[in-house]
N, C-alpha and C. Protein backbone atom coordinates (compact mmCIF):
# COMPACT_ATOMS: atom_id res chain seq x y z
N MET A 1 37.86 98.79 84.94
CA MET A 1 38.28 98.89 85.97
C MET A 1 38.46 100.26 86.50
N GLY A 2 38.32 100.04 87.57
CA GLY A 2 38.75 102.03 88.17
C GLY A 2 39.78 102.26 88.87
N ASN A 3 40.31 103.39 88.97
CA ASN A 3 41.35 104.42 89.63
C ASN A 3 41.14 104.05 90.98
N VAL A 4 42.35 103.52 91.64
CA VAL A 4 42.57 104.03 93.30
C VAL A 4 43.34 104.67 93.73
N THR A 5 42.84 105.99 93.89
CA THR A 5 43.86 107.27 94.62
C THR A 5 44.25 106.79 95.90
N LEU A 6 45.49 107.07 96.50
CA LEU A 6 45.82 106.94 98.17
C LEU A 6 45.87 109.01 98.04
N PRO A 7 45.60 109.12 99.49
CA PRO A 7 45.79 110.38 99.94
C PRO A 7 47.48 111.18 99.90
N THR A 8 47.81 112.02 99.48
CA THR A 8 49.10 112.62 99.63
C THR A 8 49.46 112.04 100.70
N PRO A 9 49.21 112.44 102.29
CA PRO A 9 50.19 112.28 103.00
C PRO A 9 50.48 110.79 103.08
N VAL A 10 49.64 109.57 103.02
CA VAL A 10 49.85 108.27 102.93
C VAL A 10 50.59 108.29 101.66
N ALA A 11 50.95 108.28 100.74
CA ALA A 11 51.74 108.28 99.53
C ALA A 11 53.41 108.94 99.85
N LEU A 12 52.88 109.88 100.46
CA LEU A 12 54.44 110.31 100.70
C LEU A 12 55.17 109.20 101.84
N ALA A 13 54.62 108.94 103.46
CA ALA A 13 54.90 108.38 104.00
C ALA A 13 55.20 106.63 103.74
N GLY A 14 54.77 106.65 102.69
CA GLY A 14 54.87 105.05 102.23
C GLY A 14 56.10 105.18 101.65
N GLY A 15 56.55 106.56 100.70
CA GLY A 15 57.97 106.54 99.84
C GLY A 15 58.85 106.79 101.11
N ALA A 16 58.74 107.54 101.92
CA ALA A 16 59.72 107.91 103.06
C ALA A 16 59.94 106.26 103.55
N ILE A 17 59.69 105.64 104.06
CA ILE A 17 59.52 104.26 104.59
C ILE A 17 60.16 103.77 103.99
N CYS A 18 59.96 103.15 102.61
CA CYS A 18 60.81 102.71 101.38
C CYS A 18 62.33 103.29 101.32
N ILE A 19 62.62 104.64 101.64
CA ILE A 19 63.75 104.80 101.32
C ILE A 19 64.42 104.91 102.58
N LEU A 20 63.85 105.30 103.63
CA LEU A 20 64.57 104.61 105.05
C LEU A 20 65.15 103.17 105.19
N GLY A 21 64.01 102.15 104.77
CA GLY A 21 64.18 100.72 104.86
C GLY A 21 65.56 100.40 103.84
N GLY A 22 65.56 101.34 102.77
CA GLY A 22 66.81 101.01 101.69
C GLY A 22 68.01 101.71 102.51
N TYR A 23 67.81 102.58 103.03
CA TYR A 23 69.11 103.34 103.74
C TYR A 23 69.71 102.14 104.75
N LEU A 24 68.68 101.90 105.80
CA LEU A 24 69.03 100.53 106.96
C LEU A 24 69.36 99.34 106.26
N LEU A 25 69.53 98.97 105.37
CA LEU A 25 69.62 97.81 104.59
C LEU A 25 71.08 97.91 104.31
N GLY A 26 71.17 98.60 103.63
CA GLY A 26 72.37 99.18 103.02
C GLY A 26 73.46 99.60 104.01
N VAL A 27 73.08 99.99 104.93
CA VAL A 27 73.93 100.21 106.41
C VAL A 27 74.67 98.92 106.99
N VAL A 28 73.26 97.96 106.88
CA VAL A 28 73.72 96.60 108.15
C VAL A 28 74.44 95.57 106.78
N ALA A 29 73.77 95.86 105.32
CA ALA A 29 74.61 94.89 104.54
C ALA A 29 75.43 95.32 103.63
N GLY A 30 75.87 96.67 104.05
CA GLY A 30 76.88 97.14 102.82
C GLY A 30 78.35 96.34 102.79
N PRO A 31 79.32 97.25 101.92
CA PRO A 31 80.60 97.01 102.61
C PRO A 31 80.97 97.77 103.19
N ASP A 32 82.10 97.14 104.41
CA ASP A 32 82.58 98.04 105.38
C ASP A 32 83.49 98.94 104.40
N ALA A 33 83.70 100.03 105.04
CA ALA A 33 84.78 101.37 104.53
C ALA A 33 86.26 101.08 105.25
N PRO A 34 87.21 101.03 103.91
CA PRO A 34 88.65 101.17 104.96
C PRO A 34 88.66 102.56 106.24
N GLY A 35 89.85 101.83 107.24
CA GLY A 35 89.40 103.07 108.36
C GLY A 35 90.51 103.62 108.04
N GLN A 36 90.51 104.79 108.63
CA GLN A 36 91.55 105.98 107.97
C GLN A 36 92.30 105.79 109.97
N THR A 37 93.36 105.61 109.46
CA THR A 37 94.38 105.63 110.91
C THR A 37 95.35 106.65 110.59
N THR A 38 95.66 107.43 112.20
CA THR A 38 97.32 107.94 111.97
C THR A 38 98.44 106.84 112.61
N ALA A 39 99.58 107.21 111.58
CA ALA A 39 100.79 106.37 111.93
C ALA A 39 101.87 107.32 112.05
N THR A 40 103.05 106.85 112.22
CA THR A 40 104.21 107.94 112.24
C THR A 40 104.99 107.25 111.09
N VAL A 41 105.74 108.41 110.74
CA VAL A 41 106.80 107.96 108.94
C VAL A 41 107.72 107.56 109.63
N GLU A 42 108.13 106.23 109.09
CA GLU A 42 109.59 105.62 109.47
C GLU A 42 110.46 106.20 108.14
N SER A 43 110.05 105.98 106.94
CA SER A 43 111.04 106.26 105.95
C SER A 43 109.80 106.92 104.67
N PHE A 44 111.10 107.50 103.76
CA PHE A 44 110.27 107.82 102.35
C PHE A 44 111.03 107.91 101.44
N ASP A 45 111.00 107.05 100.36
CA ASP A 45 112.17 107.83 99.44
C ASP A 45 110.91 108.06 98.00
N SER A 46 111.91 109.24 97.63
CA SER A 46 111.26 110.45 96.76
C SER A 46 111.43 109.57 95.41
N GLY A 47 112.05 108.85 95.16
CA GLY A 47 112.39 108.27 94.38
C GLY A 47 111.19 107.39 93.46
N ASN A 48 111.00 106.35 94.29
CA ASN A 48 109.93 105.23 93.99
C ASN A 48 108.51 105.80 94.40
N GLY A 49 108.72 106.40 95.41
CA GLY A 49 107.68 106.80 96.13
C GLY A 49 107.09 105.71 97.11
N GLU A 50 108.08 104.94 97.76
CA GLU A 50 107.72 103.97 98.38
C GLU A 50 107.97 104.93 99.84
N LEU A 51 106.82 104.16 101.21
CA LEU A 51 106.55 104.91 102.33
C LEU A 51 106.34 103.80 103.15
N CYS A 52 107.38 103.75 104.28
CA CYS A 52 106.85 103.14 105.66
C CYS A 52 106.27 103.82 106.53
N LEU A 53 105.63 103.26 107.33
CA LEU A 53 104.77 103.71 108.28
C LEU A 53 104.88 103.01 109.91
N SER A 54 104.73 103.42 110.57
CA SER A 54 104.84 102.48 111.85
C SER A 54 103.25 102.07 112.46
N VAL A 55 102.28 101.46 112.43
CA VAL A 55 101.41 101.25 113.45
C VAL A 55 101.72 100.34 114.58
N ASP A 56 100.24 100.18 114.74
CA ASP A 56 99.66 99.14 115.57
C ASP A 56 100.00 97.83 115.07
N ALA A 57 100.71 96.82 115.40
CA ALA A 57 100.70 95.20 115.15
C ALA A 57 99.21 94.79 114.40
N GLY A 58 98.26 95.26 114.80
CA GLY A 58 96.80 94.56 115.23
C GLY A 58 96.26 95.41 113.43
N GLN A 59 97.08 96.33 113.10
CA GLN A 59 96.46 97.04 111.11
C GLN A 59 96.34 95.90 110.51
N GLU A 60 95.13 95.91 109.80
CA GLU A 60 95.38 94.88 108.70
C GLU A 60 96.49 94.30 107.98
N ALA A 61 97.14 95.46 107.09
CA ALA A 61 97.86 95.58 106.25
C ALA A 61 99.90 95.46 106.98
N ALA A 62 99.67 95.59 108.44
CA ALA A 62 100.48 95.38 109.24
C ALA A 62 101.30 94.20 109.24
N SER A 63 103.11 94.15 109.09
CA SER A 63 104.06 93.06 109.28
C SER A 63 103.99 92.74 110.98
N GLU A 64 104.55 92.05 110.97
CA GLU A 64 104.71 91.33 112.50
C GLU A 64 105.44 92.68 113.06
N ASP A 65 106.10 93.17 112.59
CA ASP A 65 107.11 94.18 113.59
C ASP A 65 106.26 95.26 113.44
N GLY A 66 104.77 95.45 113.11
CA GLY A 66 104.41 96.72 113.15
C GLY A 66 104.40 97.92 112.26
N SER A 67 104.83 97.52 110.83
CA SER A 67 104.89 98.70 109.88
C SER A 67 104.24 98.14 108.65
N ILE A 68 103.78 99.25 107.86
CA ILE A 68 103.40 99.31 106.65
C ILE A 68 104.26 100.10 105.57
N CYS A 69 104.66 99.22 104.64
CA CYS A 69 105.51 99.67 103.53
C CYS A 69 104.76 99.67 102.33
N GLY A 70 104.44 100.82 101.55
CA GLY A 70 103.90 100.80 100.40
C GLY A 70 104.28 102.13 99.28
N THR A 71 103.26 102.11 98.30
CA THR A 71 103.80 103.13 97.02
C THR A 71 102.68 104.48 97.65
N TRP A 72 102.78 105.71 97.78
CA TRP A 72 102.27 106.37 98.51
C TRP A 72 101.56 107.26 97.33
N ARG A 73 100.39 107.36 97.36
CA ARG A 73 99.54 108.10 96.66
C ARG A 73 98.82 109.50 97.53
N ARG A 74 99.40 110.62 97.06
CA ARG A 74 99.11 111.85 98.19
C ARG A 74 98.06 112.19 97.79
N THR A 75 96.88 113.02 98.71
CA THR A 75 95.81 114.17 98.52
C THR A 75 96.44 114.92 97.29
N GLU A 76 95.35 115.15 96.46
CA GLU A 76 95.54 115.83 95.62
C GLU A 76 95.58 117.39 95.79
N GLY A 77 96.47 118.14 95.27
CA GLY A 77 97.07 119.47 95.74
C GLY A 77 97.75 119.66 97.01
N SER A 78 98.25 118.50 97.48
CA SER A 78 99.54 118.60 98.48
C SER A 78 100.79 118.79 98.17
N LYS A 79 101.21 119.79 98.96
CA LYS A 79 102.60 119.96 98.58
C LYS A 79 103.84 119.29 99.65
N SER A 80 102.78 118.91 100.51
CA SER A 80 103.72 118.29 101.73
C SER A 80 104.05 117.06 101.68
N ARG A 81 105.72 116.62 101.92
CA ARG A 81 106.85 115.37 101.78
C ARG A 81 107.07 115.03 103.33
N PRO A 82 106.72 113.78 103.29
CA PRO A 82 106.61 113.08 104.54
C PRO A 82 108.10 113.20 105.00
N GLU A 83 108.46 113.06 106.22
CA GLU A 83 109.89 113.08 107.16
C GLU A 83 109.69 112.04 108.25
N PRO A 84 110.98 111.76 108.08
CA PRO A 84 111.00 110.35 109.54
C PRO A 84 110.11 110.83 110.89
N GLY A 85 109.35 110.66 111.30
CA GLY A 85 109.35 111.05 112.66
C GLY A 85 107.41 111.96 112.55
N ASP A 86 107.13 112.11 111.22
CA ASP A 86 105.73 113.07 110.89
C ASP A 86 104.80 112.24 111.15
N GLN A 87 103.69 112.77 111.86
CA GLN A 87 102.36 111.98 112.05
C GLN A 87 101.76 111.95 110.62
N PHE A 88 101.07 110.82 109.98
CA PHE A 88 100.48 110.40 108.55
C PHE A 88 98.80 109.99 109.01
N ARG A 89 98.05 110.44 108.24
CA ARG A 89 97.02 110.02 108.35
C ARG A 89 96.19 109.40 107.02
N PHE A 90 95.98 108.12 107.51
CA PHE A 90 96.23 107.30 105.68
C PHE A 90 94.99 105.93 105.46
N VAL A 91 94.87 105.66 104.50
CA VAL A 91 94.23 104.55 104.38
C VAL A 91 95.16 103.57 103.46
N ALA A 92 95.48 102.19 104.17
CA ALA A 92 96.02 101.19 102.93
C ALA A 92 94.87 100.41 102.20
N VAL A 93 95.71 100.29 101.40
CA VAL A 93 94.62 99.31 100.18
C VAL A 93 95.53 98.45 100.19
N ASP A 94 95.33 97.50 100.03
CA ASP A 94 96.00 95.87 99.08
C ASP A 94 95.72 95.58 97.92
N VAL A 95 96.53 95.96 97.18
CA VAL A 95 95.70 95.70 95.67
C VAL A 95 96.90 94.43 94.60
N GLY A 96 96.88 93.68 95.34
CA GLY A 96 97.29 92.20 95.00
C GLY A 96 98.76 92.52 94.69
N PRO A 97 99.56 90.93 94.15
CA PRO A 97 101.06 91.13 94.24
C PRO A 97 101.01 92.31 92.74
N PRO A 98 102.44 92.45 92.44
CA PRO A 98 103.12 93.33 91.37
C PRO A 98 102.84 91.87 90.48
N PRO A 99 102.72 92.46 89.24
CA PRO A 99 103.37 91.51 87.42
C PRO A 99 104.09 90.54 87.95
N GLU A 100 104.29 89.50 87.00
CA GLU A 100 105.43 88.55 86.91
C GLU A 100 106.42 89.39 86.62
N GLY A 101 107.77 88.90 87.39
CA GLY A 101 109.30 89.78 86.75
C GLY A 101 109.53 91.17 87.72
N GLU A 102 108.27 91.75 88.68
CA GLU A 102 108.74 92.70 89.25
C GLU A 102 109.49 92.41 90.65
N ALA A 103 110.16 93.46 91.15
CA ALA A 103 110.58 93.26 92.52
C ALA A 103 109.53 92.99 93.49
N GLY A 104 109.86 92.24 94.36
CA GLY A 104 108.48 91.90 95.37
C GLY A 104 107.43 91.06 94.83
N ALA A 105 107.56 90.58 93.52
CA ALA A 105 106.50 90.09 93.26
C ALA A 105 106.19 88.47 94.29
N ASP A 106 106.49 88.01 95.38
CA ASP A 106 106.60 86.93 96.14
C ASP A 106 105.23 87.75 97.27
N ARG A 107 104.90 89.08 97.10
CA ARG A 107 104.11 89.67 98.37
C ARG A 107 103.16 90.44 97.77
N PRO A 108 101.98 90.92 98.10
CA PRO A 108 100.85 91.70 98.29
C PRO A 108 101.38 92.76 98.32
N SER A 109 101.06 93.92 97.03
CA SER A 109 101.37 95.17 96.96
C SER A 109 100.57 96.21 97.66
N THR A 110 100.93 97.54 98.46
CA THR A 110 100.23 97.95 99.20
C THR A 110 99.99 99.63 98.55
N VAL A 111 99.05 100.21 98.41
CA VAL A 111 98.95 101.78 98.21
C VAL A 111 98.41 102.24 99.69
N ILE A 112 98.67 103.40 100.19
CA ILE A 112 99.00 103.94 101.01
C ILE A 112 98.43 105.42 100.37
N TYR A 113 96.94 105.81 100.48
CA TYR A 113 96.57 106.99 100.18
C TYR A 113 96.26 108.13 101.79
N GLY A 114 97.12 109.27 101.68
CA GLY A 114 97.45 109.89 102.89
C GLY A 114 98.10 110.88 102.62
N ASP A 115 98.19 112.12 104.16
CA ASP A 115 98.91 112.49 103.89
C ASP A 115 99.22 112.97 105.55
N VAL A 116 100.68 114.11 105.15
CA VAL A 116 100.79 114.72 106.74
C VAL A 116 100.08 115.01 107.62
N VAL A 117 99.90 115.05 108.83
CA VAL A 117 99.14 115.65 109.78
C VAL A 117 99.78 116.88 110.30
N ARG A 118 99.10 118.13 109.81
CA ARG A 118 99.97 119.09 110.46
C ARG A 118 99.39 119.58 111.79
């Protein structure tokens, strides 16, 4: 058997086409990233970390009255504390119901990642 070699520009062009095709396939068929939204803080309980936000009723995790309540996970290094009326940029993630026997076991639990907008 003999060796067959491709000219360098042809090999580089083929590699670039493969990389571009993989990227486009990932964009089209890949999972959707959660959308970051801005809302207004309704309440915050520093004791248990529960944060309630007022959002558009169309938001995925929102209740019928247009609010999202969940456990707040702050951005690393953040010193701010949400106060009612503050603007809050966040991503809400539904993590499923809490373990059996805990309060609120009948509804899904939500974790809110974000921080106050300054």
